C-alpha atoms as a PDB file:
ATOM      1  CA  UNK A   1     121.883   2.909 178.529  1.00  0.00           C
ATOM      2  CA  UNK A   2     119.567   5.666 178.950  1.00  0.00           C
ATOM      3  CA  UNK A   3     117.558   6.642 175.580  1.00  0.00           C
ATOM      4  CA  UNK A   4     116.253  10.622 174.403  1.00  0.00           C
ATOM      5  CA  UNK A   5     112.794  10.467 172.936  1.00  0.00           C
ATOM      6  CA  UNK A   6     113.551  12.574 169.592  1.00  0.00           C
ATOM      7  CA  UNK A   7     111.092  15.812 168.729  1.00  0.00           C
ATOM      8  CA  UNK A   8     110.472  15.365 165.409  1.00  0.00           C
ATOM      9  CA  UNK A   9     108.905  19.018 165.152  1.00  0.00           C
ATOM     10  CA  UNK A  10     111.559  20.288 167.061  1.00  0.00           C
ATOM     11  CA  UNK A  11     114.279  18.799 164.571  1.00  0.00           C
ATOM     12  CA  UNK A  12     112.402  19.675 161.664  1.00  0.00           C
ATOM     13  CA  UNK A  13     111.947  23.459 162.793  1.00  0.00           C
ATOM     14  CA  UNK A  14     116.089  24.361 162.884  1.00  0.00           C
ATOM     15  CA  UNK A  15     116.030  24.096 159.021  1.00  0.00           C
ATOM     16  CA  UNK A  16     114.120  25.550 155.784  1.00  0.00           C
ATOM     17  CA  UNK A  17     115.688  23.780 152.832  1.00  0.00           C
ATOM     18  CA  UNK A  18     114.160  20.506 150.421  1.00  0.00           C
ATOM     19  CA  UNK A  19     116.123  17.604 150.217  1.00  0.00           C
ATOM     20  CA  UNK A  20     119.288  18.928 152.238  1.00  0.00           C
ATOM     21  CA  UNK A  21     119.316  15.305 155.110  1.00  0.00           C
ATOM     22  CA  UNK A  22     120.791  16.524 159.022  1.00  0.00           C
ATOM     23  CA  UNK A  23     121.776  14.250 161.106  1.00  0.00           C
ATOM     24  CA  UNK A  24     119.754  14.253 164.393  1.00  0.00           C
ATOM     25  CA  UNK A  25     120.829  11.676 166.252  1.00  0.00           C
ATOM     26  CA  UNK A  26     123.421   8.971 166.429  1.00  0.00           C
ATOM     27  CA  UNK A  27     124.313   5.414 167.923  1.00  0.00           C
ATOM     28  CA  UNK A  28     127.188   3.868 167.535  1.00  0.00           C
ATOM     29  CA  UNK A  29     128.348   4.043 164.175  1.00  0.00           C
ATOM     30  CA  UNK A  30     125.221   5.129 162.024  1.00  0.00           C
ATOM     31  CA  UNK A  31     123.594   8.770 162.063  1.00  0.00           C
ATOM     32  CA  UNK A  32     119.945   8.583 161.846  1.00  0.00           C
ATOM     33  CA  UNK A  33     118.757  11.509 159.205  1.00  0.00           C
ATOM     34  CA  UNK A  34     115.983  13.881 158.628  1.00  0.00           C
ATOM     35  CA  UNK A  35     115.038  15.508 155.930  1.00  0.00           C
ATOM     36  CA  UNK A  36     112.641  18.227 154.568  1.00  0.00           C
ATOM     37  CA  UNK A  37     110.073  16.812 150.876  1.00  0.00           C
ATOM     38  CA  UNK A  38     108.190  18.371 148.889  1.00  0.00           C
ATOM     39  CA  UNK A  39     104.458  16.553 149.118  1.00  0.00           C
ATOM     40  CA  UNK A  40     101.925  16.932 145.949  1.00  0.00           C
ATOM     41  CA  UNK A  41      98.033  15.986 146.315  1.00  0.00           C
END
């Protein structure tokens, strides 16, 4: 089985909504999700 590297910066650039998780990969019965958030410092 071959694995493919996921470029998180590229995936984040494909959407702009905050707190709206998107599926970026799937493996077996699992979904890997990524969401943008607001960080206050």
